Amino acid sequence: MKIHFVGIGGIGMSALAQHMAKKGHTISGSDAVKSEVTDMLESKGIKVFIGHCDKNVMGADLCVATSAASVDNPEILYCVQNKIGVLARQELLGKEFNAYKTRIAVSGTHGKTTTCGMLAAAFENCGHMPTAFIGGMTKRGNYIEGGEPCIAEACEYKASFLTLRPTIGVILNVETDHLDYYKDLLGVERAFSKFASKVDKDGYLVYNGDQVPEHILKITKAKRISYGFENNNDYQAVNLKHKKGVYAFDVIRDGKYFYSVELRIRGRHNIYNALATVVVCDLLNLDAAKCAEGINLFEGVERRWTVVENEFTNVVLDYAHHPNEIRALIETARQQGYEKIVMVFQPHTYSRTQTLFRDFVTCFKGVNELILLPIYAARELPIPGVTSERLTRVINEVGITEARSAKDFDDCANIIKEKAGKDDLVLVVGAGDVNKLVNLLV
């Protein structure tokens, strides 16, 4: 079968494209821009067109579309006019994922990608190479070709995770986000509750007992297993120790010592991701020592505290784009002991900036100097009055930190070179194309 992917450069789309190619299908795809992902796909023999055109999809038996594709996309229109089936990305992921016997779906507002990567590393170290669809680039990429189990990142945007039928469902946390689709936090919580109900009745719902509200879990028929720092959880992290934000801790299971874990990746928030990994591995009877070793071997995901070598200062690239992710990042940064922290932030989407505006005003506490880039539009059109300049002005009025706006990457790079010394830390932060800035810094 010939399958064409509209938006193949997306991280979720490219993982599916690789999976379908491995199954023997002829794969092509298109994207608006050339990228490292499209280069990677082409190196694997997948034809990628830059730009969308009806000619790209001719001869295809099936079309798979990213959720970011508009209804007037010429390739999708061609398929509709010529009666070529069109599947949304989440529909194809659901079909492929649900065909496995053991199905692990990891959901949550934050931490999905890291937890999926950590799970894959633990399984591999235990001698079980899984199939994995990961929402970021790990050492093994964003798609891991293997057998059972299947691990998939379960994204809540537009409730796309409701196509998945996991035997083990994981809920890391539930917070306000994607209010361009959900009206409010209650809408987000309802979606996660529906996700919980999708877990097999003979399966397990693994959840963060410190952060996931009880009412979200009520309608699931699966067995509920909790983890966290509080002593009422089934699995508890205790005896936390860290060196510059790299943590080690002990795990208590049902009130008794289970085993110890040492992380390689930074951040207290990653203890939660490691605990979720511990629980899933234990439920599937994996060797505890080898699981702990696999967690320790996991080196993280690209753009999650990625150190960028350069000649004049210390630069870290990170994907944080939600206020609470930014707070966690700043907490980790302050543990490093640098003289000054300079943060560059590229807000991601107008709708998120608008709906979480007050939170964005206060979340940069602890940063010595803040530089705001123009908002990364992604799939959206501008919203009047929602700008980085306005956010900069209000942050300065409140006095949380010293903020200024940069008109573009070149302007921002010049400001950084003025402001940052060799003993400072520069955080380059956001989920858009802010990673391009680091090329100007190195």
Protein backbone atom coordinates (compact mmCIF):
# COMPACT_ATOMS: atom_id res chain seq x y z
CA MET A 1 0.00 0.00 0.00
CA LYS A 2 1.19 3.53 -0.77
CA ILE A 3 0.58 5.90 2.14
CA HIS A 4 1.08 9.67 1.98
CA PHE A 5 1.61 11.72 5.17
CA VAL A 6 0.54 15.38 5.16
CA GLY A 7 2.82 17.09 7.67
CA ILE A 8 5.36 14.27 7.77
CA GLY A 9 7.95 16.47 9.48
CA GLY A 10 5.94 16.51 12.72
CA ILE A 11 7.43 14.42 15.51
CA GLY A 12 4.37 12.15 15.85
CA MET A 13 3.80 11.90 12.10
CA SER A 14 7.41 10.99 11.36
CA ALA A 15 7.34 8.19 13.95
CA LEU A 16 4.23 6.70 12.32
CA ALA A 17 5.74 7.07 8.85
CA GLN A 18 8.79 5.08 9.94
CA HIS A 19 6.57 2.42 11.52
CA MET A 20 4.47 1.97 8.40
CA ALA A 21 7.60 1.83 6.22
CA LYS A 22 8.99 -0.93 8.44
CA LYS A 23 5.75 -2.84 7.87
CA GLY A 24 6.50 -2.82 4.14
CA HIS A 25 4.31 0.03 2.89
CA THR A 26 5.54 2.59 0.37
CA ILE A 27 5.67 5.91 2.19
CA SER A 28 5.77 9.50 0.98
CA GLY A 29 5.00 12.75 2.73
CA SER A 30 5.04 16.51 2.57
CA ASP A 31 5.84 19.35 4.92
CA ALA A 32 5.99 23.11 4.75
CA VAL A 33 9.71 23.31 5.56
CA LYS A 34 12.82 21.20 5.33
CA SER A 35 14.13 20.09 8.73
CA GLU A 36 16.37 17.62 10.52
CA VAL A 37 13.35 15.31 10.74
CA THR A 38 12.65 15.40 6.99
CA ASP A 39 16.36 14.82 6.34
CA MET A 40 16.25 11.80 8.66
CA LEU A 41 13.22 10.38 6.85
CA GLU A 42 14.84 10.81 3.45
CA SER A 43 17.96 9.04 4.71
CA LYS A 44 15.68 6.07 5.40
CA GLY A 45 14.35 6.04 1.85
CA ILE A 46 11.10 7.94 2.44
CA LYS A 47 10.21 10.47 -0.25
CA VAL A 48 9.55 13.90 1.24
CA PHE A 49 8.12 16.86 -0.68
CA ILE A 50 8.73 20.36 0.66
CA GLY A 51 5.51 22.30 0.17
CA HIS A 52 1.95 21.02 -0.25
CA CYS A 53 0.65 20.23 -3.74
CA ASP A 54 -2.00 17.85 -5.10
CA LYS A 55 0.64 16.21 -7.33
CA ASN A 56 2.45 14.97 -4.20
CA VAL A 57 -0.37 12.61 -3.26
CA MET A 58 -1.15 11.17 -6.70
CA GLY A 59 -1.06 7.40 -6.70
CA ALA A 60 -1.56 7.10 -2.94
CA ASP A 61 -3.98 4.52 -1.52
CA LEU A 62 -4.29 6.27 1.84
CA CYS A 63 -3.57 9.72 3.22
CA VAL A 64 -2.66 10.44 6.86
CA ALA A 65 -3.07 14.03 8.01
CA THR A 66 -1.58 15.91 10.93
CA SER A 67 -4.04 17.76 13.19
CA ALA A 68 -2.28 20.97 12.18
CA ALA A 69 -3.31 20.56 8.52
CA SER A 70 -6.03 22.96 7.36
CA VAL A 71 -9.22 21.72 5.73
CA ASP A 72 -8.26 23.49 2.50
CA ASN A 73 -4.89 21.76 2.24
CA PRO A 74 -4.55 20.90 -1.49
CA GLU A 75 -3.43 17.33 -0.79
CA ILE A 76 -6.37 16.61 1.49
CA LEU A 77 -8.76 18.21 -1.00
CA TYR A 78 -7.33 16.02 -3.76
CA CYS A 79 -7.92 12.91 -1.66
CA VAL A 80 -11.51 13.88 -0.90
CA GLN A 81 -12.22 14.63 -4.57
CA ASN A 82 -10.65 11.35 -5.71
CA LYS A 83 -12.12 9.18 -2.95
CA ILE A 84 -8.76 8.39 -1.34
CA GLY A 85 -9.21 7.60 2.32
CA VAL A 86 -7.97 10.22 4.79
CA LEU A 87 -7.04 9.27 8.36
CA ALA A 88 -6.08 11.64 11.14
CA ARG A 89 -2.72 10.88 12.76
CA GLN A 90 -4.35 9.77 16.00
CA GLU A 91 -6.64 7.37 14.14
CA LEU A 92 -3.71 5.56 12.53
CA LEU A 93 -1.79 5.55 15.81
CA GLY A 94 -4.81 4.03 17.53
CA LYS A 95 -5.12 1.27 14.90
CA GLU A 96 -1.45 0.35 15.13
CA PHE A 97 -1.14 0.69 18.92
CA ASN A 98 -4.31 -1.26 19.69
CA ALA A 99 -3.07 -4.26 17.69
CA TYR A 100 -0.41 -5.05 20.32
CA LYS A 101 -1.02 -7.38 23.23
CA THR A 102 0.63 -5.18 25.86
CA ARG A 103 -0.11 -1.50 25.32
CA ILE A 104 1.37 1.27 27.47
CA ALA A 105 -0.01 4.77 26.87
CA VAL A 106 1.63 7.67 28.71
CA SER A 107 -0.49 10.80 29.16
CA GLY A 108 -0.11 14.05 31.07
CA THR A 109 0.29 17.77 30.55
CA HIS A 110 4.05 17.44 31.14
CA GLY A 111 6.63 14.66 31.03
CA LYS A 112 5.15 12.31 28.43
CA THR A 113 8.14 12.26 26.10
CA THR A 114 10.73 11.78 28.84
CA THR A 115 8.71 9.01 30.48
CA CYS A 116 8.21 7.15 27.18
CA GLY A 117 11.93 7.36 26.49
CA MET A 118 12.76 6.21 30.01
CA LEU A 119 10.37 3.27 29.72
CA ALA A 120 11.92 2.21 26.42
CA ALA A 121 15.41 2.37 27.96
CA ALA A 122 14.32 0.29 30.97
CA PHE A 123 12.65 -2.35 28.79
CA GLU A 124 15.67 -2.55 26.50
CA ASN A 125 18.03 -2.98 29.44
CA CYS A 126 15.81 -5.82 30.65
CA GLY A 127 16.16 -7.56 27.29
CA HIS A 128 12.80 -6.57 25.82
CA MET A 129 13.13 -4.21 22.86
CA PRO A 130 9.72 -2.51 22.71
CA THR A 131 7.94 -0.76 19.89
CA ALA A 132 7.77 2.91 20.86
CA PHE A 133 6.21 6.09 19.47
CA ILE A 134 7.97 8.95 21.27
CA GLY A 135 7.17 12.65 21.01
CA GLY A 136 10.79 13.75 20.84
CA MET A 137 14.22 12.61 19.76
CA THR A 138 15.97 10.21 22.10
CA LYS A 139 19.32 8.52 21.45
CA ARG A 140 17.35 5.92 19.46
CA GLY A 141 15.18 8.48 17.69
CA ASN A 142 11.45 9.11 18.01
CA TYR A 143 10.46 5.65 16.77
CA ILE A 144 11.84 2.41 18.15
CA GLU A 145 11.29 -0.68 16.08
CA GLY A 146 10.74 -3.70 18.29
CA GLY A 147 8.13 -6.12 19.50
CA GLU A 148 6.01 -6.24 22.62
CA PRO A 149 5.13 -4.12 24.46
CA CYS A 150 4.06 -1.03 22.52
CA ILE A 151 4.73 2.30 24.23
CA ALA A 152 2.99 5.40 22.93
CA GLU A 153 2.82 9.02 23.94
CA ALA A 154 -0.85 9.81 24.56
CA CYS A 155 -1.40 13.45 23.63
CA GLU A 156 -4.38 15.30 25.09
CA TYR A 157 -4.52 17.97 22.38
CA LYS A 158 -7.94 17.78 20.70
CA ALA A 159 -8.52 14.65 22.83
CA SER A 160 -6.44 12.64 20.36
CA PHE A 161 -5.47 10.10 23.05
CA LEU A 162 -9.01 8.74 23.08
CA THR A 163 -8.20 6.50 20.08
CA LEU A 164 -5.88 4.45 22.32
CA ARG A 165 -6.98 1.35 24.26
CA PRO A 166 -4.13 0.73 26.70
CA THR A 167 -3.61 -2.25 28.97
CA ILE A 168 -1.56 0.12 31.14
CA GLY A 169 -2.53 3.79 31.09
CA VAL A 170 -0.33 6.38 32.78
CA ILE A 171 -1.47 9.85 33.90
CA LEU A 172 1.52 11.96 34.95
CA ASN A 173 -0.34 15.20 35.74
CA VAL A 174 -3.37 17.21 34.61
CA GLU A 175 -3.14 20.99 34.28
CA THR A 176 -4.69 23.85 32.36
CA ASP A 177 -3.52 23.89 28.74
CA HIS A 178 -4.79 23.80 25.14
CA LEU A 179 -7.59 26.23 25.90
CA ASP A 180 -7.90 26.86 22.17
CA TYR A 181 -9.67 23.47 22.21
CA TYR A 182 -10.84 23.00 25.81
CA LYS A 183 -12.86 25.80 27.35
CA ASP A 184 -11.34 25.48 30.80
CA LEU A 185 -9.54 23.16 33.22
CA LEU A 186 -12.76 21.18 33.71
CA GLY A 187 -12.77 20.38 30.00
CA VAL A 188 -9.18 19.14 30.22
CA GLU A 189 -10.04 16.99 33.24
CA ARG A 190 -13.04 15.46 31.48
CA ALA A 191 -10.80 14.41 28.59
CA PHE A 192 -8.34 12.74 30.96
CA SER A 193 -11.23 11.02 32.71
CA LYS A 194 -12.35 9.60 29.36
CA PHE A 195 -8.78 8.47 28.71
CA ALA A 196 -8.77 6.68 32.07
CA SER A 197 -11.99 4.90 31.08
CA LYS A 198 -10.27 3.55 27.94
CA VAL A 199 -7.85 1.43 29.97
CA ASP A 200 -8.73 -2.29 29.84
CA LYS A 201 -10.82 -3.38 32.81
CA ASP A 202 -8.24 -6.11 33.46
CA GLY A 203 -5.40 -3.59 33.13
CA TYR A 204 -3.85 -0.86 35.28
CA LEU A 205 -4.23 2.88 35.59
CA VAL A 206 -0.95 4.27 36.92
CA TYR A 207 -1.21 7.85 38.17
CA ASN A 208 0.60 10.54 40.11
CA GLY A 209 -1.14 10.45 43.47
CA ASP A 210 0.29 13.85 44.45
CA GLN A 211 -1.03 15.73 41.43
CA VAL A 212 -3.89 13.93 39.65
CA PRO A 213 -7.33 14.82 41.09
CA GLU A 214 -9.37 11.93 42.44
CA HIS A 215 -12.50 12.74 40.42
CA ILE A 216 -10.64 12.09 37.16
CA LEU A 217 -10.14 8.45 38.12
CA LYS A 218 -13.65 7.50 39.19
CA ILE A 219 -15.03 6.00 35.98
CA THR A 220 -12.09 3.73 35.17
CA LYS A 221 -12.62 -0.02 35.65
CA ALA A 222 -8.90 -0.74 35.69
CA LYS A 223 -6.94 -1.32 38.87
CA ARG A 224 -5.56 1.97 40.15
CA ILE A 225 -1.90 2.25 41.19
CA SER A 226 -0.52 5.52 42.58
CA TYR A 227 2.98 6.92 42.96
CA GLY A 228 4.47 10.11 44.37
CA PHE A 229 6.26 11.73 47.31
CA GLU A 230 3.36 11.48 49.76
CA ASN A 231 3.16 8.41 52.01
CA ASN A 232 -0.38 7.48 50.96
CA ASN A 233 0.87 6.33 47.52
CA ASP A 234 1.40 2.69 46.53
CA TYR A 235 4.93 3.60 45.38
CA GLN A 236 6.76 6.42 47.16
CA ALA A 237 10.04 8.24 46.50
CA VAL A 238 12.01 8.87 49.71
CA ASN A 239 15.55 9.84 50.77
CA LEU A 240 15.99 12.28 47.90
CA LYS A 241 19.56 13.43 47.25
CA HIS A 242 20.92 15.50 44.40
CA LYS A 243 24.11 16.93 42.97
CA LYS A 244 23.37 19.98 40.82
CA GLY A 245 19.83 18.79 40.18
CA VAL A 246 20.69 15.18 39.29
CA TYR A 247 18.71 13.09 41.76
CA ALA A 248 19.00 9.73 43.49
CA PHE A 249 16.23 8.29 45.64
CA ASP A 250 14.79 5.14 47.21
CA VAL A 251 11.46 3.60 46.23
CA ILE A 252 9.04 2.37 48.89
CA ARG A 253 6.44 -0.13 47.64
CA ASP A 254 3.42 -0.80 49.84
CA GLY A 255 5.27 0.66 52.82
CA LYS A 256 8.49 -1.39 52.37
CA TYR A 257 11.82 -0.62 50.71
CA PHE A 258 11.77 -1.78 47.08
CA TYR A 259 14.96 -0.50 45.41
CA SER A 260 17.08 2.56 44.70
CA VAL A 261 17.18 4.71 41.57
CA GLU A 262 19.84 7.09 40.28
CA LEU A 263 18.96 9.46 37.46
CA ARG A 264 21.30 10.78 34.81
CA ILE A 265 18.98 13.57 33.70
CA ARG A 266 18.45 16.76 35.69
CA GLY A 267 15.40 18.03 37.54
CA ARG A 268 13.32 17.10 40.57
CA HIS A 269 10.29 16.73 38.28
CA ASN A 270 12.01 13.78 36.62
CA ILE A 271 11.67 11.79 39.84
CA TYR A 272 7.95 11.57 39.04
CA ASN A 273 8.73 10.34 35.51
CA ALA A 274 11.12 7.75 36.91
CA LEU A 275 8.54 6.61 39.49
CA ALA A 276 5.96 6.08 36.74
CA THR A 277 8.57 3.99 34.88
CA VAL A 278 9.30 1.96 38.02
CA VAL A 279 5.61 1.18 38.52
CA VAL A 280 4.99 0.08 34.92
CA CYS A 281 8.10 -2.13 34.89
CA ASP A 282 7.12 -3.71 38.20
CA LEU A 283 3.57 -4.42 37.00
CA LEU A 284 5.08 -6.31 34.05
CA ASN A 285 7.46 -8.23 36.35
CA LEU A 286 10.69 -6.83 34.97
CA ASP A 287 13.90 -7.30 36.93
CA ALA A 288 14.10 -4.40 39.39
CA ALA A 289 17.89 -3.99 39.30
CA LYS A 290 18.02 -4.01 35.50
CA CYS A 291 15.10 -1.59 35.35
CA ALA A 292 16.93 0.81 37.70
CA GLU A 293 20.06 0.48 35.58
CA GLY A 294 18.07 1.23 32.42
CA ILE A 295 16.63 4.38 34.02
CA ASN A 296 20.15 5.49 34.95
CA LEU A 297 21.41 4.84 31.40
CA PHE A 298 18.67 7.01 29.88
CA GLU A 299 20.32 10.20 28.64
CA GLY A 300 17.15 12.18 28.06
CA VAL A 301 15.40 13.73 25.08
CA GLU A 302 16.61 16.44 22.72
CA ARG A 303 15.57 19.92 23.84
CA ARG A 304 15.11 18.78 27.44
CA TRP A 305 18.09 20.41 29.18
CA THR A 306 20.28 19.97 26.09
CA VAL A 307 23.71 21.51 26.64
CA VAL A 308 24.93 23.50 23.62
CA GLU A 309 28.69 23.83 23.36
CA ASN A 310 29.98 27.32 22.53
CA GLU A 311 33.01 29.49 23.24
CA PHE A 312 31.70 32.32 25.41
CA THR A 313 29.13 31.10 27.96
CA ASN A 314 26.98 28.16 29.13
CA VAL A 315 23.91 27.50 26.94
CA VAL A 316 21.07 25.06 27.59
CA LEU A 317 18.21 24.44 25.14
CA ASP A 318 14.88 23.34 26.60
CA TYR A 319 11.36 22.64 25.29
CA ALA A 320 9.47 24.14 28.25
CA HIS A 321 6.47 26.15 27.02
CA HIS A 322 3.95 25.94 29.89
CA PRO A 323 4.38 28.14 33.01
CA ASN A 324 4.81 25.16 35.34
CA GLU A 325 7.40 23.62 33.02
CA ILE A 326 9.27 26.92 33.09
CA ARG A 327 9.15 27.01 36.91
CA ALA A 328 10.59 23.47 37.07
CA LEU A 329 13.32 24.44 34.59
CA ILE A 330 14.29 27.52 36.62
CA GLU A 331 14.41 25.43 39.82
CA THR A 332 16.87 23.08 38.11
CA ALA A 333 18.88 25.99 36.70
CA ARG A 334 19.31 27.57 40.13
CA GLN A 335 20.73 24.30 41.47
CA GLN A 336 23.64 24.57 39.04
CA GLY A 337 25.40 27.41 40.86
CA TYR A 338 25.92 29.82 37.97
CA GLU A 339 26.52 33.48 38.69
CA LYS A 340 23.60 34.74 36.62
CA ILE A 341 20.71 33.15 34.68
CA VAL A 342 19.64 34.71 31.40
CA MET A 343 16.55 33.20 29.80
CA VAL A 344 15.37 33.55 26.22
CA PHE A 345 11.73 32.53 25.89
CA GLN A 346 9.71 32.12 22.70
CA PRO A 347 6.00 31.94 23.65
CA HIS A 348 4.25 29.10 21.84
CA THR A 349 0.91 30.00 20.21
CA TYR A 350 -1.23 33.08 20.73
CA SER A 351 -4.01 31.14 22.44
CA ARG A 352 -1.72 29.67 25.13
CA THR A 353 -0.13 33.07 25.73
CA GLN A 354 -3.57 34.66 26.06
CA THR A 355 -5.23 32.07 28.31
CA LEU A 356 -2.21 31.61 30.61
CA PHE A 357 -1.09 35.24 30.48
CA ARG A 358 -1.19 35.86 34.25
CA ASP A 359 0.78 32.69 34.88
CA PHE A 360 3.38 33.70 32.32
CA VAL A 361 3.78 37.04 34.10
CA THR A 362 4.86 35.31 37.33
CA CYS A 363 6.56 32.08 36.21
CA PHE A 364 9.98 33.61 35.44
CA LYS A 365 10.83 34.33 39.08
CA GLY A 366 14.44 33.35 39.72
CA VAL A 367 15.74 34.47 36.32
CA ASN A 368 18.10 37.46 36.45
CA GLU A 369 17.35 38.65 32.93
CA LEU A 370 14.59 37.63 30.52
CA ILE A 371 14.50 38.13 26.76
CA LEU A 372 11.18 37.49 25.03
CA LEU A 373 11.06 36.60 21.33
CA PRO A 374 7.97 37.14 19.16
CA ILE A 375 5.20 34.56 19.68
CA TYR A 376 5.58 31.38 17.64
CA ALA A 377 2.26 31.09 15.82
CA ALA A 378 2.36 27.35 14.95
CA ARG A 379 -1.12 26.59 13.62
CA GLU A 380 -2.70 29.92 14.67
CA LEU A 381 -3.44 33.40 13.39
CA PRO A 382 -2.50 36.41 15.56
CA ILE A 383 -4.87 37.50 18.32
CA PRO A 384 -5.15 41.33 18.67
CA GLY A 385 -3.36 42.56 21.78
CA VAL A 386 -1.56 39.26 22.46
CA THR A 387 2.11 40.03 21.92
CA SER A 388 5.49 39.42 23.51
CA GLU A 389 5.88 43.18 23.88
CA ARG A 390 2.77 43.36 26.08
CA LEU A 391 3.97 40.40 28.16
CA THR A 392 7.35 42.09 28.56
CA ARG A 393 5.72 45.31 29.72
CA VAL A 394 3.52 43.60 32.34
CA ILE A 395 6.41 41.48 33.68
CA ASN A 396 8.43 44.66 34.21
CA GLU A 397 5.46 46.39 35.85
CA VAL A 398 5.05 43.55 38.34
CA GLY A 399 8.80 43.46 38.95
CA ILE A 400 9.28 39.68 38.84
CA THR A 401 12.46 40.01 36.80
CA GLU A 402 14.08 42.36 34.30
CA ALA A 403 12.53 41.66 30.88
CA ARG A 404 13.06 42.97 27.39
CA SER A 405 11.82 42.07 23.91
CA ALA A 406 13.92 41.01 20.95
CA LYS A 407 12.60 41.60 17.45
CA ASP A 408 14.19 38.47 15.95
CA PHE A 409 16.90 35.82 16.46
CA ASP A 410 19.74 38.08 15.31
CA ASP A 411 18.69 40.82 17.73
CA CYS A 412 18.35 38.25 20.51
CA ALA A 413 21.81 36.75 19.85
CA ASN A 414 23.39 40.21 20.05
CA ILE A 415 21.65 40.90 23.38
CA ILE A 416 22.84 37.56 24.80
CA LYS A 417 26.44 38.26 23.76
CA GLU A 418 26.21 41.62 25.55
CA LYS A 419 24.60 40.24 28.71
CA ALA A 420 26.13 36.79 29.30
CA GLY A 421 29.59 36.10 30.66
CA LYS A 422 31.54 32.86 30.94
CA ASP A 423 30.20 32.14 34.44
CA ASP A 424 26.54 32.68 33.49
CA LEU A 425 23.83 30.31 32.25
CA VAL A 426 21.76 31.09 29.15
CA LEU A 427 18.49 29.15 28.87
CA VAL A 428 17.02 29.05 25.36
CA VAL A 429 13.43 28.00 25.93
CA GLY A 430 10.28 27.22 23.94
CA ALA A 431 8.49 24.65 21.80
CA GLY A 432 8.72 26.51 18.49
CA ASP A 433 11.76 27.11 16.30
CA VAL A 434 13.78 28.83 19.04
CA ASN A 435 16.37 26.07 18.61
CA LYS A 436 17.53 27.99 15.50
CA LEU A 437 18.86 30.67 17.83
CA VAL A 438 21.62 28.39 19.12
CA ASN A 439 23.19 28.31 15.66
CA LEU A 440 23.83 32.03 16.06
CA LEU A 441 25.39 31.48 19.50
CA VAL A 442 27.86 28.80 18.47
